[in-house]
C-alpha cells in the first residue's frame, strides 16, 4: 500500500507527522503540495478519503481565504475543492493518504490508525 503525505516542510505539524510516520516504519511518498499543487479532482478525492465535512480541509486563517469574500460555512464541497486547487496554501496540513483512507495530521497522532 502506498502512503502519501501532503507536506509543507515549513509547517511544524507536517514535520512532526512525517517524523512520527518514519518512527513507525513508514517511509511515505512526500507530496509538497505548494510546489506541485493539487487539481480540483485530487482535492475532491482527498475529501472522499477523509470523509466528514469537506470544509475541514480548508485553512480559513490565510489571506487567500479572506480574499474569497465568503464564509466557510457557506462553501460547498465544490467551492472548497476549487479554492484549494486555486490557492494550495489553503489546504489543511498535513494530510496522510493510505489506501482507501486519509486523515489530517492535527494532531500528528491522528494518522497512526492509517499506518497499521
N, C-alpha and C. Protein backbone atom coordinates (compact mmCIF):
# COMPACT_ATOMS: atom_id res chain seq x y z
N UNK A 1 0.84 -1.18 0.00
CA UNK A 1 0.00 0.00 0.00
C UNK A 1 0.89 1.24 0.00
N UNK A 2 0.58 2.17 -0.88
CA UNK A 2 1.32 3.42 -0.95
C UNK A 2 0.74 4.39 0.07
N UNK A 3 1.63 5.01 0.81
CA UNK A 3 1.23 6.02 1.78
C UNK A 3 1.85 7.34 1.34
N UNK A 4 1.01 8.37 1.26
CA UNK A 4 1.45 9.69 0.80
C UNK A 4 1.15 10.72 1.87
N UNK A 5 2.12 11.59 2.11
CA UNK A 5 1.88 12.72 2.99
C UNK A 5 1.86 13.99 2.13
N UNK A 6 0.78 14.74 2.26
CA UNK A 6 0.67 16.05 1.63
C UNK A 6 1.34 17.01 2.60
N UNK A 7 2.54 17.45 2.24
CA UNK A 7 3.50 18.00 3.19
C UNK A 7 3.89 19.43 2.85
N UNK A 8 4.03 20.22 3.90
CA UNK A 8 4.64 21.54 3.81
C UNK A 8 5.80 21.54 4.80
N UNK A 9 7.05 21.51 4.32
CA UNK A 9 8.18 21.41 5.23
C UNK A 9 8.33 22.59 6.18
N UNK A 10 7.65 23.69 5.91
CA UNK A 10 7.73 24.85 6.81
C UNK A 10 6.75 24.74 7.97
N UNK A 11 5.87 23.75 7.94
CA UNK A 11 4.84 23.58 8.96
C UNK A 11 5.32 22.58 10.02
N UNK A 12 5.29 22.99 11.29
CA UNK A 12 5.77 22.11 12.36
C UNK A 12 4.92 20.85 12.48
N UNK A 13 3.60 20.94 12.34
CA UNK A 13 2.74 19.75 12.43
C UNK A 13 3.05 18.78 11.28
N UNK A 14 3.34 19.32 10.12
CA UNK A 14 3.67 18.49 8.97
C UNK A 14 4.99 17.75 9.22
N UNK A 15 5.97 18.46 9.73
CA UNK A 15 7.26 17.84 10.04
C UNK A 15 7.11 16.79 11.14
N UNK A 16 6.31 17.11 12.17
CA UNK A 16 6.10 16.16 13.27
C UNK A 16 5.40 14.89 12.77
N UNK A 17 4.44 15.06 11.87
CA UNK A 17 3.71 13.91 11.33
C UNK A 17 4.64 13.04 10.50
N UNK A 18 5.48 13.66 9.68
CA UNK A 18 6.43 12.90 8.88
C UNK A 18 7.40 12.14 9.79
N UNK A 19 7.89 12.77 10.84
CA UNK A 19 8.78 12.10 11.79
C UNK A 19 8.07 10.92 12.46
N UNK A 20 6.82 11.12 12.86
CA UNK A 20 6.05 10.06 13.51
C UNK A 20 5.88 8.86 12.58
N UNK A 21 5.61 9.14 11.31
CA UNK A 21 5.45 8.06 10.33
C UNK A 21 6.74 7.27 10.22
N UNK A 22 7.84 7.98 10.10
CA UNK A 22 9.14 7.31 9.96
C UNK A 22 9.48 6.50 11.21
N UNK A 23 9.15 7.02 12.39
CA UNK A 23 9.40 6.27 13.63
C UNK A 23 8.55 5.00 13.70
N UNK A 24 7.45 4.98 12.95
CA UNK A 24 6.59 3.81 12.90
C UNK A 24 6.88 2.94 11.68
N UNK A 25 8.03 3.15 11.06
CA UNK A 25 8.48 2.29 9.97
C UNK A 25 7.85 2.56 8.62
N UNK A 26 7.24 3.74 8.46
CA UNK A 26 6.60 4.09 7.19
C UNK A 26 7.39 5.21 6.52
N UNK A 27 7.88 4.95 5.33
CA UNK A 27 8.55 5.97 4.52
C UNK A 27 7.58 6.36 3.41
N UNK A 28 6.85 7.47 3.62
CA UNK A 28 5.80 7.83 2.67
C UNK A 28 6.34 8.51 1.42
N UNK A 29 5.51 8.53 0.41
CA UNK A 29 5.74 9.40 -0.73
C UNK A 29 5.42 10.80 -0.22
N UNK A 30 6.31 11.75 -0.48
CA UNK A 30 6.11 13.11 0.02
C UNK A 30 5.62 13.98 -1.13
N UNK A 31 4.45 14.57 -0.94
CA UNK A 31 3.89 15.47 -1.94
C UNK A 31 3.93 16.88 -1.36
N UNK A 32 4.90 17.66 -1.82
CA UNK A 32 4.97 19.06 -1.39
C UNK A 32 3.96 19.83 -2.23
N UNK A 33 2.77 19.97 -1.69
CA UNK A 33 1.64 20.47 -2.47
C UNK A 33 1.77 21.95 -2.85
N UNK A 34 2.65 22.69 -2.19
CA UNK A 34 2.85 24.08 -2.61
C UNK A 34 3.73 24.13 -3.87
N UNK A 35 4.60 23.13 -4.04
CA UNK A 35 5.43 23.05 -5.26
C UNK A 35 4.68 22.35 -6.39
N UNK A 36 3.85 21.37 -6.04
CA UNK A 36 3.06 20.62 -7.02
C UNK A 36 1.60 20.69 -6.57
N UNK A 37 0.91 21.78 -6.91
CA UNK A 37 -0.46 21.97 -6.42
C UNK A 37 -1.40 20.87 -6.91
N UNK A 38 -2.38 20.56 -6.06
CA UNK A 38 -3.36 19.54 -6.44
C UNK A 38 -4.38 20.09 -7.43
N UNK A 39 -4.92 19.20 -8.22
CA UNK A 39 -6.04 19.57 -9.09
C UNK A 39 -7.31 19.56 -8.25
N UNK A 40 -8.37 20.11 -8.79
CA UNK A 40 -9.66 20.08 -8.11
C UNK A 40 -10.08 18.63 -7.86
N UNK A 41 -9.85 17.77 -8.85
CA UNK A 41 -10.21 16.35 -8.72
C UNK A 41 -9.41 15.69 -7.60
N UNK A 42 -8.13 16.03 -7.46
CA UNK A 42 -7.32 15.45 -6.38
C UNK A 42 -7.83 15.90 -5.02
N UNK A 43 -8.21 17.16 -4.91
CA UNK A 43 -8.75 17.66 -3.64
C UNK A 43 -10.06 16.95 -3.31
N UNK A 44 -10.91 16.77 -4.33
CA UNK A 44 -12.17 16.06 -4.10
C UNK A 44 -11.92 14.62 -3.65
N UNK A 45 -10.91 13.99 -4.21
CA UNK A 45 -10.55 12.62 -3.81
C UNK A 45 -10.11 12.59 -2.34
N UNK A 46 -9.27 13.56 -1.94
CA UNK A 46 -8.85 13.63 -0.54
C UNK A 46 -10.06 13.80 0.37
N UNK A 47 -10.99 14.65 -0.03
CA UNK A 47 -12.21 14.85 0.76
C UNK A 47 -12.95 13.53 0.95
N UNK A 48 -13.07 12.77 -0.14
CA UNK A 48 -13.76 11.48 -0.07
C UNK A 48 -13.03 10.50 0.84
N UNK A 49 -11.70 10.49 0.77
CA UNK A 49 -10.91 9.57 1.60
C UNK A 49 -11.02 9.92 3.09
N UNK A 50 -11.06 11.22 3.39
CA UNK A 50 -11.13 11.65 4.78
C UNK A 50 -12.54 11.51 5.32
N UNK A 51 -13.53 11.83 4.48
CA UNK A 51 -14.91 11.80 4.94
C UNK A 51 -15.21 13.01 5.80
N UNK A 52 -16.40 13.05 6.32
CA UNK A 52 -16.78 14.18 7.17
C UNK A 52 -17.02 15.45 6.37
N UNK A 53 -16.86 16.56 7.03
CA UNK A 53 -17.13 17.86 6.44
C UNK A 53 -15.97 18.28 5.55
N UNK A 54 -16.21 18.50 4.25
CA UNK A 54 -15.12 18.89 3.35
C UNK A 54 -14.46 20.20 3.74
N UNK A 55 -15.17 21.03 4.46
CA UNK A 55 -14.60 22.32 4.87
C UNK A 55 -13.47 22.14 5.89
N UNK A 56 -13.37 20.94 6.49
CA UNK A 56 -12.28 20.68 7.42
C UNK A 56 -10.92 20.71 6.73
N UNK A 57 -10.90 20.56 5.42
CA UNK A 57 -9.65 20.60 4.67
C UNK A 57 -9.17 22.02 4.38
N UNK A 58 -9.96 22.99 4.74
CA UNK A 58 -9.71 24.38 4.36
C UNK A 58 -9.14 25.17 5.53
N UNK A 59 -8.02 25.82 5.28
CA UNK A 59 -7.41 26.72 6.26
C UNK A 59 -8.03 28.11 6.05
N UNK A 60 -8.83 28.54 7.01
CA UNK A 60 -9.56 29.79 6.82
C UNK A 60 -8.87 31.01 7.43
N UNK A 61 -7.68 30.83 7.98
CA UNK A 61 -6.95 31.96 8.56
C UNK A 61 -5.99 32.63 7.59
N UNK A 62 -5.88 32.08 6.40
CA UNK A 62 -4.93 32.61 5.41
C UNK A 62 -5.53 33.81 4.66
N UNK A 63 -4.68 34.78 4.26
CA UNK A 63 -5.17 35.93 3.48
C UNK A 63 -5.90 35.50 2.21
N UNK A 64 -5.47 34.41 1.59
CA UNK A 64 -6.12 33.91 0.37
C UNK A 64 -7.58 33.51 0.64
N UNK A 65 -7.83 33.01 1.85
CA UNK A 65 -9.21 32.67 2.19
C UNK A 65 -10.04 33.93 2.36
N UNK A 66 -9.50 34.90 3.08
CA UNK A 66 -10.22 36.14 3.31
C UNK A 66 -10.54 36.83 1.98
N UNK A 67 -9.63 36.70 0.99
CA UNK A 67 -9.83 37.31 -0.33
C UNK A 67 -10.99 36.67 -1.09
N UNK A 68 -11.38 35.45 -0.70
CA UNK A 68 -12.52 34.81 -1.35
C UNK A 68 -13.82 35.55 -1.05
N UNK A 69 -13.84 36.24 0.10
CA UNK A 69 -15.02 37.02 0.47
C UNK A 69 -16.23 36.18 0.84
N UNK A 70 -16.00 34.96 1.29
CA UNK A 70 -17.11 34.07 1.66
C UNK A 70 -16.87 33.52 3.06
N UNK A 71 -17.96 33.13 3.68
CA UNK A 71 -17.87 32.46 4.98
C UNK A 71 -17.64 30.98 4.74
N UNK A 72 -16.82 30.38 5.58
CA UNK A 72 -16.53 28.96 5.46
C UNK A 72 -17.80 28.12 5.45
N UNK A 73 -18.76 28.49 6.29
CA UNK A 73 -20.00 27.73 6.41
C UNK A 73 -20.83 27.75 5.13
N UNK A 74 -20.61 28.76 4.28
CA UNK A 74 -21.40 28.89 3.04
C UNK A 74 -20.80 28.14 1.86
N UNK A 75 -19.63 27.53 2.04
CA UNK A 75 -18.94 26.88 0.93
C UNK A 75 -19.40 25.44 0.73
N UNK A 76 -19.64 25.08 -0.52
CA UNK A 76 -19.97 23.70 -0.87
C UNK A 76 -18.68 22.90 -1.03
N UNK A 77 -18.83 21.61 -1.19
CA UNK A 77 -17.67 20.74 -1.44
C UNK A 77 -16.93 21.22 -2.69
N UNK A 78 -17.67 21.54 -3.75
CA UNK A 78 -17.04 22.01 -4.99
C UNK A 78 -16.33 23.34 -4.78
N UNK A 79 -16.92 24.23 -3.97
CA UNK A 79 -16.27 25.52 -3.67
C UNK A 79 -14.94 25.30 -2.95
N UNK A 80 -14.95 24.40 -1.99
CA UNK A 80 -13.73 24.12 -1.22
C UNK A 80 -12.66 23.54 -2.13
N UNK A 81 -13.02 22.58 -2.97
CA UNK A 81 -12.05 21.96 -3.88
C UNK A 81 -11.47 22.99 -4.84
N UNK A 82 -12.31 23.85 -5.37
CA UNK A 82 -11.83 24.88 -6.30
C UNK A 82 -10.91 25.87 -5.58
N UNK A 83 -11.27 26.28 -4.38
CA UNK A 83 -10.44 27.23 -3.62
C UNK A 83 -9.06 26.65 -3.33
N UNK A 84 -9.01 25.39 -2.92
CA UNK A 84 -7.72 24.76 -2.61
C UNK A 84 -6.90 24.54 -3.88
N UNK A 85 -7.55 24.13 -4.96
CA UNK A 85 -6.83 23.93 -6.21
C UNK A 85 -6.26 25.25 -6.74
N UNK A 86 -7.00 26.33 -6.52
CA UNK A 86 -6.55 27.65 -6.97
C UNK A 86 -5.49 28.23 -6.03
N UNK A 87 -5.66 28.00 -4.73
CA UNK A 87 -4.75 28.53 -3.70
C UNK A 87 -4.33 27.38 -2.79
N UNK A 88 -3.32 26.60 -3.18
CA UNK A 88 -2.97 25.40 -2.38
C UNK A 88 -2.56 25.69 -0.94
N UNK A 89 -2.19 26.94 -0.65
CA UNK A 89 -1.86 27.30 0.73
C UNK A 89 -3.06 27.08 1.66
N UNK A 90 -4.26 27.00 1.08
CA UNK A 90 -5.48 26.81 1.87
C UNK A 90 -5.71 25.37 2.30
N UNK A 91 -4.90 24.44 1.80
CA UNK A 91 -5.06 23.03 2.17
C UNK A 91 -4.58 22.81 3.60
N UNK A 92 -5.46 22.24 4.42
CA UNK A 92 -5.07 21.88 5.78
C UNK A 92 -3.91 20.91 5.71
N UNK A 93 -2.98 21.02 6.62
CA UNK A 93 -1.80 20.18 6.55
C UNK A 93 -1.45 19.64 7.92
N UNK A 94 -0.78 18.53 7.89
CA UNK A 94 -0.56 17.63 6.76
C UNK A 94 -1.76 16.70 6.58
N UNK A 95 -1.84 16.12 5.42
CA UNK A 95 -2.82 15.07 5.16
C UNK A 95 -2.04 13.83 4.77
N UNK A 96 -2.40 12.70 5.36
CA UNK A 96 -1.79 11.43 5.03
C UNK A 96 -2.86 10.56 4.39
N UNK A 97 -2.53 10.04 3.21
CA UNK A 97 -3.44 9.14 2.49
C UNK A 97 -2.78 7.78 2.39
N UNK A 98 -3.55 6.75 2.73
CA UNK A 98 -3.05 5.37 2.67
C UNK A 98 -4.19 4.48 2.22
N UNK A 99 -4.03 3.90 1.05
CA UNK A 99 -5.08 3.03 0.53
C UNK A 99 -6.36 3.81 0.29
N UNK A 100 -7.44 3.36 0.89
CA UNK A 100 -8.75 3.98 0.67
C UNK A 100 -9.14 4.92 1.81
N UNK A 101 -8.14 5.34 2.61
CA UNK A 101 -8.42 6.23 3.74
C UNK A 101 -7.39 7.35 3.80
N UNK A 102 -7.77 8.42 4.47
CA UNK A 102 -6.84 9.53 4.70
C UNK A 102 -7.22 10.21 6.01
N UNK A 103 -6.27 10.96 6.56
CA UNK A 103 -6.52 11.69 7.81
C UNK A 103 -5.69 12.96 7.81
N UNK A 104 -6.22 13.96 8.50
CA UNK A 104 -5.48 15.20 8.72
C UNK A 104 -4.62 15.00 9.96
N UNK A 105 -3.35 15.31 9.86
CA UNK A 105 -2.41 15.10 10.95
C UNK A 105 -2.41 16.22 11.98
N UNK A 106 -3.56 16.53 12.50
CA UNK A 106 -3.70 17.54 13.56
C UNK A 106 -4.57 16.92 14.64
N UNK A 107 -3.99 16.39 15.66
CA UNK A 107 -2.56 16.26 15.96
C UNK A 107 -1.92 15.17 15.11
N UNK A 108 -0.59 15.13 15.07
CA UNK A 108 0.09 14.13 14.25
C UNK A 108 -0.36 12.70 14.52
N UNK A 109 -0.71 12.40 15.76
CA UNK A 109 -1.14 11.04 16.14
C UNK A 109 -2.42 10.62 15.44
N UNK A 110 -3.15 11.56 14.85
CA UNK A 110 -4.40 11.24 14.15
C UNK A 110 -4.17 10.35 12.95
N UNK A 111 -2.93 10.27 12.46
CA UNK A 111 -2.65 9.43 11.28
C UNK A 111 -2.24 8.02 11.65
N UNK A 112 -2.02 7.74 12.91
CA UNK A 112 -1.50 6.43 13.32
C UNK A 112 -2.39 5.27 12.89
N UNK A 113 -3.69 5.45 12.91
CA UNK A 113 -4.58 4.35 12.53
C UNK A 113 -4.42 3.97 11.05
N UNK A 114 -3.92 4.89 10.23
CA UNK A 114 -3.69 4.61 8.81
C UNK A 114 -2.45 3.76 8.59
N UNK A 115 -1.55 3.74 9.56
CA UNK A 115 -0.24 3.10 9.36
C UNK A 115 -0.26 1.62 9.70
N UNK A 116 -1.38 1.10 10.20
CA UNK A 116 -1.46 -0.31 10.61
C UNK A 116 -1.89 -1.19 9.48
